[in-house]
Amino acid sequence: MVSNLDQQIYDFIQPYAGTYFFNIKKVILTQNTDLDTDLSIDEYEAEELMREYFKKFNVDPAGFDIKVYYPEIPFSWNPFKKINPVLVPDFSIGMLIESAKAGRWLYN
């Protein structure tokens, strides 16, 4: 069952969910929906979204760092140099819901 706070956060995220271009199908939002991989929200959109989120839901942003979820990606002009992939933790709607319930950002 979805609580009132959960629904408010889903409603807050919905404008960022967009639609698929060819079939006009809206993305289904769940607690497991990842902001960067599922919704393709880029770093600058995510920063703005999180600023609004912290203010709207009165969540203490202490400990939140956007670079944890959008790290600098190494680049090399050398095509023979292997670059190891950067592992990024989940950045899900469920994290926003749980942090809003706690009143502070719960994830580092």
C-alpha atoms as a PDB file:
ATOM      1  CA  MET A   1       0.000   0.000   0.000  1.00  0.00           C
ATOM      2  CA  VAL A   2       1.283   3.442  -0.913  1.00  0.00           C
ATOM      3  CA  SER A   3       1.253   6.033   1.895  1.00  0.00           C
ATOM      4  CA  ASN A   4       0.416   9.678   1.360  1.00  0.00           C
ATOM      5  CA  LEU A   5       4.107  10.644   1.577  1.00  0.00           C
ATOM      6  CA  ASP A   6       5.052   7.907  -0.885  1.00  0.00           C
ATOM      7  CA  GLN A   7       2.438   9.193  -3.343  1.00  0.00           C
ATOM      8  CA  GLN A   8       3.645  12.783  -2.931  1.00  0.00           C
ATOM      9  CA  ILE A   9       7.167  11.691  -3.850  1.00  0.00           C
ATOM     10  CA  TYR A  10       5.922   9.677  -6.842  1.00  0.00           C
ATOM     11  CA  ASP A  11       3.979  12.759  -7.965  1.00  0.00           C
ATOM     12  CA  PHE A  12       7.104  14.885  -7.456  1.00  0.00           C
ATOM     13  CA  ILE A  13       9.229  12.531  -9.612  1.00  0.00           C
ATOM     14  CA  GLN A  14       6.581  11.915 -12.319  1.00  0.00           C
ATOM     15  CA  PRO A  15       7.488  14.984 -14.462  1.00  0.00           C
ATOM     16  CA  TYR A  16      11.015  13.576 -14.727  1.00  0.00           C
ATOM     17  CA  ALA A  17       9.735  10.164 -15.860  1.00  0.00           C
ATOM     18  CA  GLY A  18       8.912  11.406 -19.340  1.00  0.00           C
ATOM     19  CA  THR A  19       7.710   9.109 -22.083  1.00  0.00           C
ATOM     20  CA  TYR A  20       9.300   6.780 -24.554  1.00  0.00           C
ATOM     21  CA  PHE A  21       9.575   8.604 -27.862  1.00  0.00           C
ATOM     22  CA  PHE A  22       8.206   5.943 -30.194  1.00  0.00           C
ATOM     23  CA  ASN A  23       5.420   4.328 -28.210  1.00  0.00           C
ATOM     24  CA  ILE A  24       4.407   7.205 -25.909  1.00  0.00           C
ATOM     25  CA  LYS A  25       4.421   4.848 -22.928  1.00  0.00           C
ATOM     26  CA  LYS A  26       4.980   6.451 -19.543  1.00  0.00           C
ATOM     27  CA  VAL A  27       7.636   4.960 -17.300  1.00  0.00           C
ATOM     28  CA  ILE A  28       6.089   3.068 -14.383  1.00  0.00           C
ATOM     29  CA  LEU A  29       7.472   4.425 -11.120  1.00  0.00           C
ATOM     30  CA  THR A  30       8.255   2.052  -8.257  1.00  0.00           C
ATOM     31  CA  GLN A  31      10.501   2.255  -5.208  1.00  0.00           C
ATOM     32  CA  ASN A  32      13.169   0.453  -7.247  1.00  0.00           C
ATOM     33  CA  THR A  33      13.072   2.968 -10.104  1.00  0.00           C
ATOM     34  CA  ASP A  34      16.600   4.340 -10.450  1.00  0.00           C
ATOM     35  CA  LEU A  35      16.814   8.061 -11.206  1.00  0.00           C
ATOM     36  CA  ASP A  36      19.873   7.876 -13.417  1.00  0.00           C
ATOM     37  CA  THR A  37      19.546   4.514 -15.169  1.00  0.00           C
ATOM     38  CA  ASP A  38      15.749   4.071 -15.430  1.00  0.00           C
ATOM     39  CA  LEU A  39      14.738   7.706 -15.861  1.00  0.00           C
ATOM     40  CA  SER A  40      17.922   8.917 -17.593  1.00  0.00           C
ATOM     41  CA  ILE A  41      18.095  11.992 -15.379  1.00  0.00           C
ATOM     42  CA  ASP A  42      21.446  13.678 -15.923  1.00  0.00           C
ATOM     43  CA  GLU A  43      23.597  15.158 -13.187  1.00  0.00           C
ATOM     44  CA  TYR A  44      22.325  18.727 -13.566  1.00  0.00           C
ATOM     45  CA  GLU A  45      18.670  17.688 -13.539  1.00  0.00           C
ATOM     46  CA  ALA A  46      19.339  15.473 -10.517  1.00  0.00           C
ATOM     47  CA  GLU A  47      20.983  18.346  -8.633  1.00  0.00           C
ATOM     48  CA  GLU A  48      17.954  20.570  -9.259  1.00  0.00           C
ATOM     49  CA  LEU A  49      15.545  17.758  -8.406  1.00  0.00           C
ATOM     50  CA  MET A  50      17.346  17.088  -5.123  1.00  0.00           C
ATOM     51  CA  ARG A  51      17.451  20.786  -4.163  1.00  0.00           C
ATOM     52  CA  GLU A  52      13.674  20.923  -4.649  1.00  0.00           C
ATOM     53  CA  TYR A  53      13.208  17.577  -2.882  1.00  0.00           C
ATOM     54  CA  PHE A  54      15.136  18.637   0.240  1.00  0.00           C
ATOM     55  CA  LYS A  55      13.150  21.862   0.452  1.00  0.00           C
ATOM     56  CA  LYS A  56       9.690  20.471  -0.385  1.00  0.00           C
ATOM     57  CA  PHE A  57       9.890  17.434   1.908  1.00  0.00           C
ATOM     58  CA  ASN A  58      11.921  19.143   4.653  1.00  0.00           C
ATOM     59  CA  VAL A  59      14.781  16.637   4.435  1.00  0.00           C
ATOM     60  CA  ASP A  60      18.167  17.538   5.933  1.00  0.00           C
ATOM     61  CA  PRO A  61      20.653  17.249   3.027  1.00  0.00           C
ATOM     62  CA  ALA A  62      23.698  16.722   5.270  1.00  0.00           C
ATOM     63  CA  GLY A  63      25.775  13.884   3.860  1.00  0.00           C
ATOM     64  CA  PHE A  64      24.262  14.040   0.372  1.00  0.00           C
ATOM     65  CA  ASP A  65      26.806  14.356  -2.428  1.00  0.00           C
ATOM     66  CA  ILE A  66      25.642  14.238  -6.046  1.00  0.00           C
ATOM     67  CA  LYS A  67      29.114  13.032  -7.086  1.00  0.00           C
ATOM     68  CA  VAL A  68      28.444   9.702  -5.333  1.00  0.00           C
ATOM     69  CA  TYR A  69      25.722   8.992  -7.916  1.00  0.00           C
ATOM     70  CA  TYR A  70      27.279  10.914 -10.827  1.00  0.00           C
ATOM     71  CA  PRO A  71      31.051  10.489 -10.446  1.00  0.00           C
ATOM     72  CA  GLU A  72      33.622  11.928 -12.817  1.00  0.00           C
ATOM     73  CA  ILE A  73      34.150   9.422 -15.604  1.00  0.00           C
ATOM     74  CA  PRO A  74      37.787   8.947 -16.577  1.00  0.00           C
ATOM     75  CA  PHE A  75      38.634   9.775 -20.171  1.00  0.00           C
ATOM     76  CA  SER A  76      41.670   8.975 -22.241  1.00  0.00           C
ATOM     77  CA  TRP A  77      42.613  10.045 -25.740  1.00  0.00           C
ATOM     78  CA  ASN A  78      44.671   6.857 -25.944  1.00  0.00           C
ATOM     79  CA  PRO A  79      42.453   4.236 -27.661  1.00  0.00           C
ATOM     80  CA  PHE A  80      44.694   1.424 -26.344  1.00  0.00           C
ATOM     81  CA  LYS A  81      44.368   2.393 -22.688  1.00  0.00           C
ATOM     82  CA  LYS A  82      41.718   0.356 -20.928  1.00  0.00           C
ATOM     83  CA  ILE A  83      39.519   2.422 -18.623  1.00  0.00           C
ATOM     84  CA  ASN A  84      37.843   0.497 -15.835  1.00  0.00           C
ATOM     85  CA  PRO A  85      34.112   1.078 -15.543  1.00  0.00           C
ATOM     86  CA  VAL A  86      32.981   3.269 -12.655  1.00  0.00           C
ATOM     87  CA  LEU A  87      30.598   1.487 -10.292  1.00  0.00           C
ATOM     88  CA  VAL A  88      27.791   3.742  -9.137  1.00  0.00           C
ATOM     89  CA  PRO A  89      25.418   2.955  -6.254  1.00  0.00           C
ATOM     90  CA  ASP A  90      21.662   2.892  -6.748  1.00  0.00           C
ATOM     91  CA  PHE A  91      19.876   6.243  -6.654  1.00  0.00           C
ATOM     92  CA  SER A  92      16.253   5.150  -6.344  1.00  0.00           C
ATOM     93  CA  ILE A  93      12.863   6.589  -5.527  1.00  0.00           C
ATOM     94  CA  GLY A  94      12.813   4.296  -2.490  1.00  0.00           C
ATOM     95  CA  MET A  95      15.856   6.149  -1.132  1.00  0.00           C
ATOM     96  CA  LEU A  96      13.976   9.439  -1.434  1.00  0.00           C
ATOM     97  CA  ILE A  97      10.923   7.982   0.297  1.00  0.00           C
ATOM     98  CA  GLU A  98      12.882   6.498   3.211  1.00  0.00           C
ATOM     99  CA  SER A  99      14.911   9.695   3.676  1.00  0.00           C
ATOM    100  CA  ALA A 100      11.744  11.819   3.654  1.00  0.00           C
ATOM    101  CA  LYS A 101      10.246   9.602   6.357  1.00  0.00           C
ATOM    102  CA  ALA A 102      13.426  10.000   8.440  1.00  0.00           C
ATOM    103  CA  GLY A 103      13.728  13.743   7.771  1.00  0.00           C
ATOM    104  CA  ARG A 104      17.377  13.416   6.718  1.00  0.00           C
ATOM    105  CA  TRP A 105      19.408  11.900   3.896  1.00  0.00           C
ATOM    106  CA  LEU A 106      20.102   8.309   4.954  1.00  0.00           C
ATOM    107  CA  TYR A 107      22.583   7.233   2.276  1.00  0.00           C
ATOM    108  CA  ASN A 108      26.267   8.038   1.784  1.00  0.00           C
END
